[in-house]
Protein backbone atom coordinates (compact mmCIF):
# COMPACT_ATOMS: atom_id res chain seq x y z
CA UNK A 1 41.18 -70.02 -14.65
CA UNK A 2 38.99 -71.66 -11.94
CA UNK A 3 35.53 -70.17 -11.30
CA UNK A 4 35.27 -68.02 -8.12
CA UNK A 5 33.91 -69.72 -5.03
CA UNK A 6 30.64 -67.83 -4.42
CA UNK A 7 30.25 -69.25 -0.93
CA UNK A 8 33.69 -68.03 0.07
CA UNK A 9 32.99 -64.53 -1.29
CA UNK A 10 29.70 -64.38 0.63
CA UNK A 11 31.45 -65.41 3.86
CA UNK A 12 34.12 -62.72 3.35
CA UNK A 13 31.46 -60.03 2.83
CA UNK A 14 29.54 -61.11 5.94
CA UNK A 15 32.77 -61.06 7.94
CA UNK A 16 33.54 -57.51 6.77
CA UNK A 17 30.07 -56.30 7.81
CA UNK A 18 30.53 -57.83 11.25
CA UNK A 19 33.88 -56.11 11.64
CA UNK A 20 32.36 -52.71 10.70
CA UNK A 21 29.58 -53.17 13.27
CA UNK A 22 32.10 -54.02 15.96
CA UNK A 23 34.05 -50.83 15.18
CA UNK A 24 30.99 -48.58 15.62
CA UNK A 25 30.83 -46.58 18.83
CA UNK A 26 28.18 -48.04 21.07
CA UNK A 27 25.91 -45.33 22.52
CA UNK A 28 25.56 -45.78 26.24
CA UNK A 29 22.10 -44.27 26.56
CA UNK A 30 19.36 -42.82 24.37
CA UNK A 31 19.51 -39.57 26.37
CA UNK A 32 22.43 -38.22 28.37
CA UNK A 33 21.72 -38.40 32.11
CA UNK A 34 21.99 -34.60 32.54
CA UNK A 35 19.31 -34.07 29.87
CA UNK A 36 17.12 -36.81 31.33
CA UNK A 37 16.79 -34.74 34.53
CA UNK A 38 15.43 -31.74 32.63
CA UNK A 39 11.92 -31.91 34.06
CA UNK A 40 13.15 -31.92 37.66
CA UNK A 41 16.32 -29.82 37.55
CA UNK A 42 16.36 -27.60 34.44
CA UNK A 43 15.52 -23.88 34.27
CA UNK A 44 11.97 -24.84 33.38
CA UNK A 45 11.54 -25.58 37.10
CA UNK A 46 12.31 -21.93 37.78
CA UNK A 47 9.45 -20.95 35.49
CA UNK A 48 6.96 -22.41 37.94
CA UNK A 49 8.35 -20.17 40.66
CA UNK A 50 8.44 -17.11 38.40
CA UNK A 51 4.70 -17.51 37.79
CA UNK A 52 4.30 -16.61 41.47
CA UNK A 53 6.53 -13.54 41.23
CA UNK A 54 5.44 -11.05 38.53
CA UNK A 55 8.41 -8.71 39.13
CA UNK A 56 11.06 -11.33 38.47
CA UNK A 57 9.05 -12.83 35.63
CA UNK A 58 9.28 -9.39 34.01
CA UNK A 59 13.03 -9.27 34.62
CA UNK A 60 13.61 -12.80 33.35
CA UNK A 61 11.59 -12.70 30.13
CA UNK A 62 11.47 -8.90 29.59
CA UNK A 63 7.66 -8.97 29.52
CA UNK A 64 4.79 -9.60 31.90
CA UNK A 65 2.99 -12.92 32.31
CA UNK A 66 -0.11 -11.81 30.42
CA UNK A 67 1.87 -11.02 27.27
CA UNK A 68 3.96 -14.18 27.63
CA UNK A 69 0.76 -16.21 27.80
CA UNK A 70 -0.76 -14.44 24.81
CA UNK A 71 2.30 -15.13 22.67
CA UNK A 72 2.27 -18.75 23.81
CA UNK A 73 -1.42 -19.17 23.01
CA UNK A 74 -1.10 -17.72 19.50
CA UNK A 75 2.03 -19.62 18.41
CA UNK A 76 1.33 -22.97 20.11
CA UNK A 77 -0.16 -24.44 16.97
CA UNK A 78 3.03 -23.64 15.06
CA UNK A 79 5.48 -25.13 17.57
CA UNK A 80 3.68 -28.18 18.97
CA UNK A 81 5.74 -31.24 18.07
CA UNK A 82 4.77 -34.86 17.62
CA UNK A 83 4.33 -36.74 20.89
CA UNK A 84 6.82 -39.48 19.97
CA UNK A 85 9.34 -38.85 22.75
CA UNK A 86 9.09 -40.17 26.30
CA UNK A 87 9.77 -36.66 27.64
CA UNK A 88 8.79 -34.19 24.90
CA UNK A 89 9.80 -30.54 25.14
CA UNK A 90 6.69 -28.51 25.90
CA UNK A 91 5.64 -25.40 23.99
CA UNK A 92 6.15 -23.40 27.20
CA UNK A 93 9.80 -24.51 27.41
CA UNK A 94 10.35 -23.67 23.74
CA UNK A 95 9.10 -20.11 24.22
CA UNK A 96 11.08 -19.74 27.46
CA UNK A 97 14.32 -20.73 25.73
CA UNK A 98 13.72 -18.35 22.84
CA UNK A 99 12.85 -15.35 25.01
CA UNK A 100 15.90 -15.98 27.21
CA UNK A 101 18.05 -16.08 24.09
CA UNK A 102 16.70 -12.65 23.08
CA UNK A 103 16.72 -11.23 26.60
CA UNK A 104 20.29 -12.20 27.47
CA UNK A 105 22.19 -13.01 24.28
CA UNK A 106 23.32 -16.21 26.02
CA UNK A 107 25.04 -18.75 23.80
CA UNK A 108 23.08 -21.75 22.58
CA UNK A 109 25.38 -24.10 24.49
CA UNK A 110 24.72 -22.10 27.68
CA UNK A 111 20.97 -22.40 27.15
CA UNK A 112 21.48 -26.11 26.55
CA UNK A 113 23.07 -26.52 29.98
CA UNK A 114 20.53 -24.24 31.70
CA UNK A 115 17.46 -25.99 30.33
CA UNK A 116 19.12 -29.43 30.09
CA UNK A 117 18.26 -29.79 26.43
CA UNK A 118 20.76 -30.89 23.78
CA UNK A 119 22.48 -28.10 21.78
CA UNK A 120 21.01 -29.40 18.52
CA UNK A 121 17.52 -29.24 20.02
CA UNK A 122 18.10 -25.66 21.22
CA UNK A 123 19.13 -24.60 17.72
CA UNK A 124 16.05 -26.22 16.23
CA UNK A 125 13.76 -24.69 18.88
CA UNK A 126 15.07 -21.16 18.28
CA UNK A 127 14.36 -21.35 14.56
CA UNK A 128 10.96 -22.92 15.11
CA UNK A 129 9.76 -20.34 17.65
CA UNK A 130 11.23 -17.29 15.90
CA UNK A 131 9.61 -18.32 12.62
CA UNK A 132 6.29 -18.76 14.42
CA UNK A 133 6.55 -15.27 15.96
CA UNK A 134 7.30 -13.74 12.56
CA UNK A 135 4.47 -15.66 10.91
CA UNK A 136 1.78 -14.97 13.52
CA UNK A 137 2.71 -11.51 14.81
CA UNK A 138 4.44 -10.04 11.76
CA UNK A 139 1.29 -9.33 9.70
CA UNK A 140 -0.27 -7.58 12.73
CA UNK A 141 2.61 -5.70 14.33
CA UNK A 142 4.95 -5.13 11.37
CA UNK A 143 2.75 -5.22 8.27
CA UNK A 144 3.88 -3.76 4.93
CA UNK A 145 3.30 0.00 5.28
CA UNK A 146 0.21 1.45 3.63
CA UNK A 147 -0.92 4.99 2.84
CA UNK A 148 -3.38 4.84 5.74
CA UNK A 149 -0.55 3.96 8.10
CA UNK A 150 1.57 6.87 6.85
CA UNK A 151 -1.42 9.20 7.32
CA UNK A 152 -1.75 8.00 10.91
CA UNK A 153 1.98 8.53 11.43
CA UNK A 154 1.68 12.09 10.07
CA UNK A 155 -1.08 12.90 12.56
CA UNK A 156 1.18 11.67 15.37
CA UNK A 157 4.22 13.65 14.25
CA UNK A 158 2.12 16.77 13.69
CA UNK A 159 0.40 16.67 17.08
CA UNK A 160 3.12 15.17 19.31
CA UNK A 161 6.34 16.33 17.65
CA UNK A 162 5.08 19.52 15.91
CA UNK A 163 6.29 18.47 12.46
CA UNK A 164 3.50 18.48 9.84
CA UNK A 165 3.82 16.22 6.79
CA UNK A 166 6.39 14.05 8.60
CA UNK A 167 5.56 10.33 8.43
CA UNK A 168 8.63 8.77 10.06
CA UNK A 169 12.25 8.99 11.12
CA UNK A 170 14.85 6.82 9.42
CA UNK A 171 18.00 5.35 10.89
CA UNK A 172 20.26 2.37 10.37
CA UNK A 173 22.57 0.30 12.54
CA UNK A 174 25.32 -2.22 11.99
CA UNK A 175 24.30 -5.25 14.08
CA UNK A 176 27.49 -6.98 15.15
CA UNK A 177 27.58 -10.70 14.34
CA UNK A 178 29.91 -13.65 14.67
CA UNK A 179 32.05 -14.12 11.56
CA UNK A 180 29.87 -16.22 9.19
CA UNK A 181 31.36 -19.38 7.72
CA UNK A 182 32.66 -19.34 4.16
CA UNK A 183 31.81 -15.66 3.48
CA UNK A 184 35.30 -14.17 3.44
CA UNK A 185 35.12 -10.40 3.97
CA UNK A 186 31.55 -10.02 2.69
CA UNK A 187 30.20 -9.07 6.12
CA UNK A 188 33.34 -7.33 7.39
CA UNK A 189 32.69 -3.58 7.74
CA UNK A 190 34.82 -0.42 7.89
CA UNK A 191 34.83 -0.55 11.71
CA UNK A 192 36.75 -3.81 11.60
CA UNK A 193 34.04 -6.24 12.72
CA UNK A 194 31.40 -8.43 11.05
CA UNK A 195 27.86 -7.10 10.78
CA UNK A 196 24.56 -7.00 8.96
CA UNK A 197 22.53 -3.81 8.67
CA UNK A 198 19.14 -3.07 10.20
CA UNK A 199 17.56 -0.11 8.36
CA UNK A 200 14.26 1.18 9.72
CA UNK A 201 11.63 3.90 9.58
CA UNK A 202 10.19 4.65 13.03
CA UNK A 203 6.81 6.18 13.84
CA UNK A 204 5.82 8.80 16.43
CA UNK A 205 5.35 6.16 19.17
CA UNK A 206 8.84 4.56 18.87
CA UNK A 207 7.49 1.65 16.84
CA UNK A 208 9.09 0.37 13.65
CA UNK A 209 6.94 1.10 10.59
CA UNK A 210 9.21 -0.46 7.97
CA UNK A 211 12.48 -2.39 8.21
CA UNK A 212 15.11 -3.77 5.89
CA UNK A 213 17.33 -6.48 7.40
CA UNK A 214 20.40 -8.19 6.08
CA UNK A 215 22.58 -5.88 4.00
CA UNK A 216 26.17 -7.09 4.42
CA UNK A 217 28.41 -4.95 6.58
CA UNK A 218 31.02 -4.64 3.84
CA UNK A 219 28.69 -2.53 1.70
CA UNK A 220 29.62 1.14 1.80
CA UNK A 221 27.39 2.97 4.26
CA UNK A 222 26.81 5.58 1.59
CA UNK A 223 24.91 3.08 -0.51
CA UNK A 224 23.17 0.92 2.10
CA UNK A 225 20.03 3.03 2.24
CA UNK A 226 19.81 3.49 -1.53
CA UNK A 227 20.09 -0.25 -2.09
CA UNK A 228 17.63 -1.16 0.64
CA UNK A 229 14.02 -1.99 -0.18
CA UNK A 230 12.88 1.09 1.76
CA UNK A 231 15.29 3.38 -0.09
CA UNK A 232 14.42 2.04 -3.56
CA UNK A 233 10.69 2.33 -2.99
CA UNK A 234 11.03 5.86 -1.61
CA UNK A 235 13.13 6.92 -4.57
CA UNK A 236 10.64 5.40 -7.02
CA UNK A 237 7.61 6.84 -5.22
CA UNK A 238 6.27 3.36 -4.39
CA UNK A 239 6.27 3.39 -0.59
CA UNK A 240 2.68 4.64 -0.50
CA UNK A 241 3.36 8.08 0.98
CA UNK A 242 0.27 10.37 0.98
CA UNK A 243 -0.18 13.12 -1.58
CA UNK A 244 1.42 16.52 -0.95
CA UNK A 245 -0.43 18.77 1.51
CA UNK A 246 -0.43 22.47 2.39
CA UNK A 247 2.05 23.50 5.08
CA UNK A 248 1.87 27.22 5.70
CA UNK A 249 1.56 28.91 2.29
CA UNK A 250 3.15 26.06 0.30
CA UNK A 251 2.19 22.64 -1.02
CA UNK A 252 4.71 20.31 0.58
CA UNK A 253 5.42 16.57 0.08
CA UNK A 254 5.26 14.15 2.97
CA UNK A 255 8.75 13.51 4.27
CA UNK A 256 10.90 11.32 6.50
CA UNK A 257 13.43 12.97 8.81
CA UNK A 258 17.01 11.80 9.06
CA UNK A 259 20.36 12.82 10.53
CA UNK A 260 23.51 14.01 8.79
CA UNK A 261 24.41 10.48 7.69
CA UNK A 262 21.67 10.54 5.05
CA UNK A 263 21.40 12.54 1.84
CA UNK A 264 18.96 15.41 1.49
CA UNK A 265 16.07 14.34 -0.75
CA UNK A 266 12.64 15.82 -1.54
CA UNK A 267 11.19 13.06 0.66
CA UNK A 268 13.96 13.16 3.29
CA UNK A 269 14.74 16.19 5.44
CA UNK A 270 18.01 16.58 7.33
CA UNK A 271 19.61 19.43 9.30
CA UNK A 272 21.66 22.21 7.74
CA UNK A 273 25.36 21.36 8.13
CA UNK A 274 27.88 23.56 9.90
CA UNK A 275 28.24 25.35 13.22
CA UNK A 276 27.92 29.07 12.44
CA UNK A 277 24.34 29.07 11.20
CA UNK A 278 21.77 31.83 11.04
CA UNK A 279 19.07 31.95 13.71
CA UNK A 280 16.46 30.73 11.21
CA UNK A 281 18.57 27.71 10.27
CA UNK A 282 19.27 26.85 13.91
CA UNK A 283 15.53 26.93 14.61
CA UNK A 284 14.91 24.70 11.60
CA UNK A 285 17.59 22.23 12.74
CA UNK A 286 15.97 21.90 16.14
CA UNK A 287 12.58 20.91 14.75
CA UNK A 288 13.50 17.85 12.59
CA UNK A 289 16.10 16.84 15.20
CA UNK A 290 13.33 16.74 17.80
CA UNK A 291 11.15 14.60 15.53
CA UNK A 292 14.08 12.37 14.60
CA UNK A 293 14.65 11.60 18.27
CA UNK A 294 12.05 8.83 17.98
CA UNK A 295 14.38 6.67 15.87
CA UNK A 296 17.29 7.02 18.29
CA UNK A 297 14.97 6.10 21.16
CA UNK A 298 13.42 3.16 19.28
CA UNK A 299 16.80 1.53 18.58
CA UNK A 300 17.92 2.21 22.15
CA UNK A 301 14.76 0.74 23.66
CA UNK A 302 15.04 -2.30 21.37
CA UNK A 303 18.57 -3.00 22.65
CA UNK A 304 17.63 -2.23 26.26
CA UNK A 305 14.90 -4.90 26.22
CA UNK A 306 16.60 -7.50 24.03
CA UNK A 307 20.15 -7.65 25.29
CA UNK A 308 21.20 -9.95 22.51
CA UNK A 309 21.99 -6.64 20.77
CA UNK A 310 24.52 -5.65 23.47
CA UNK A 311 27.24 -7.89 22.04
CA UNK A 312 27.88 -9.82 18.80
CA UNK A 313 25.05 -12.19 17.88
CA UNK A 314 26.46 -15.72 17.89
CA UNK A 315 24.34 -17.53 15.32
CA UNK A 316 24.25 -18.48 11.66
CA UNK A 317 23.22 -15.78 9.17
CA UNK A 318 19.72 -17.10 8.62
CA UNK A 319 19.11 -17.38 12.37
CA UNK A 320 20.55 -13.89 12.93
CA UNK A 321 18.09 -12.38 10.45
CA UNK A 322 15.25 -14.22 12.18
CA UNK A 323 16.44 -12.92 15.58
CA UNK A 324 16.43 -9.29 14.40
CA UNK A 325 13.08 -9.57 12.65
CA UNK A 326 11.38 -11.26 15.60
CA UNK A 327 12.92 -8.81 18.10
CA UNK A 328 11.55 -5.84 16.12
CA UNK A 329 8.09 -7.43 15.89
CA UNK A 330 8.01 -8.17 19.63
CA UNK A 331 9.19 -4.60 20.31
CA UNK A 332 6.14 -3.27 18.45
CA UNK A 333 3.81 -5.80 20.08
CA UNK A 334 4.93 -4.90 23.59
CA UNK A 335 4.65 -1.15 22.96
CA UNK A 336 1.09 -1.74 21.74
CA UNK A 337 0.51 -3.59 25.02
CA UNK A 338 2.16 -0.74 26.97
CA UNK A 339 4.56 -3.29 28.46
CA UNK A 340 7.73 -1.19 28.66
CA UNK A 341 9.60 -3.38 31.18
CA UNK A 342 10.58 -0.20 33.10
CA UNK A 343 12.33 1.11 29.95
CA UNK A 344 11.78 4.84 29.40
CA UNK A 345 12.30 7.07 26.35
CA UNK A 346 13.49 10.66 26.35
CA UNK A 347 10.70 12.97 27.48
CA UNK A 348 8.78 14.83 24.77
CA UNK A 349 10.07 18.18 26.05
CA UNK A 350 13.66 16.97 25.95
CA UNK A 351 14.30 17.74 29.63
CA UNK A 352 14.67 14.11 30.75
CA UNK A 353 16.68 11.39 29.05
CA UNK A 354 15.40 7.83 28.78
CA UNK A 355 16.94 5.20 31.05
CA UNK A 356 17.73 3.04 28.01
CA UNK A 357 20.79 5.26 27.55
CA UNK A 358 22.26 3.98 30.83
CA UNK A 359 21.39 0.38 29.99
CA UNK A 360 23.14 0.50 26.60
CA UNK A 361 26.19 2.59 27.59
CA UNK A 362 29.33 0.93 26.28
CA UNK A 363 27.43 -1.55 24.10
CA UNK A 364 29.21 -2.82 21.02
CA UNK A 365 26.31 -4.68 19.43
CA UNK A 366 24.81 -1.81 17.38
CA UNK A 367 26.88 0.82 15.56
CA UNK A 368 25.53 3.80 13.59
CA UNK A 369 26.01 4.10 9.84
CA UNK A 370 28.40 6.59 8.27
CA UNK A 371 27.61 9.28 5.70
CA UNK A 372 25.10 8.10 3.11
CA UNK A 373 25.30 8.61 -0.65
CA UNK A 374 25.28 11.78 -2.69
CA UNK A 375 22.10 13.55 -3.69
CA UNK A 376 21.07 13.73 -7.34
CA UNK A 377 17.88 15.69 -6.66
CA UNK A 378 19.53 18.48 -4.73
CA UNK A 379 17.65 21.54 -5.97
CA UNK A 380 14.16 20.13 -5.44
CA UNK A 381 15.13 18.96 -1.95
CA UNK A 382 16.61 22.37 -1.07
CA UNK A 383 13.34 24.06 -2.00
CA UNK A 384 11.35 21.66 0.22
CA UNK A 385 13.71 22.24 3.15
CA UNK A 386 13.66 26.02 2.71
CA UNK A 387 9.86 25.99 2.84
CA UNK A 388 9.89 24.03 6.09
CA UNK A 389 12.44 26.54 7.41
CA UNK A 390 10.06 29.37 6.49
CA UNK A 391 7.17 27.60 8.20
CA UNK A 392 9.03 26.81 11.44
CA UNK A 393 10.10 30.47 11.71
CA UNK A 394 6.58 31.82 11.08
CA UNK A 395 3.91 32.70 13.62
CA UNK A 396 1.84 29.77 12.38
CA UNK A 397 4.56 27.15 12.57
CA UNK A 398 6.74 28.18 15.50
CA UNK A 399 6.46 26.66 18.98
CA UNK A 400 6.81 28.66 22.16
CA UNK A 401 9.91 26.88 23.48
CA UNK A 402 12.05 26.65 20.34
CA UNK A 403 14.12 29.76 21.11
CA UNK A 404 15.12 28.38 24.49
CA UNK A 405 16.29 25.14 22.86
CA UNK A 406 18.77 26.81 20.54
CA UNK A 407 20.18 29.44 22.89
């Protein structure tokens, strides 16, 4: 058998490489023309005009210019890219895109057209900025709860909402999401849509004190709270709640108030069930319901500001969790700054409803949880609730207007 002609083989291989190169699609330009005009024609041009109009800046970004600038200043070091591009995307544009995503729930492709930035760049920018917000603002505006924080919460609930030993109000919502890839029915809930759960404890000022994000919507609502980090730590006595304190004649634990969806626990007070209740029980039901109103308002105000919660969140699971976490942190930050963006809560006396209710009417983005799990510490919890009932019906613990609220 003759030896192979090495020169011929080399020529054949070179010819094949040339053919492959010829088959490759030749890119017409490094940047598409519509993206090249970003600096002159994109939405970033509008930003320059909004700087001259504080009212519309507030409407556009859901915050005032001072708070926008503070966020930008603090996260710039985390989102400044390498200056290797002829027209780099500025840190201002990155924050603008992210806040518009939260404020409107616009799709990433829509933001791409608006700001004349490629869809892949928009996706990267959202992750980059949201991570920076969580990293920089999270430890300040949503730190892990401490005993000192719970004590401060108790003072607020005692003085503003007339509920001593209360440190928070708990609630949970299904946040509607786009069906995640390759997850089957894992995130498909009993309502017939895909969701992840946001579980939260809210303080007396409508701020989130502790959150748990990411439970799959397919989990039974009855077990979501018990399986959450907040629920496990409460059950094990590791959430840092203060020591029991005298309320009326009794030593009472510090508690969190909840609605009928949650189980009665020694650390969690809920209303008495039923319609035909005694006067004393109706008075009791009014008092924790009034305190629990902060959680309903907090979730409503969150959705009223960040309208990404009005409809399903169209993003991957990891980005969706980042969106929810960053939105909660910014909610707390802006309340601390008293930047309410014209959003109002229900009045303390209950006579006026917050305008967030009108803004979120008909929303499908957040759905309440169903009945939570059974209670295995029933008797101890009943005693705690009965003692609060006794206190709220006593001369020491009653408030002057409670009779008018139940009549």
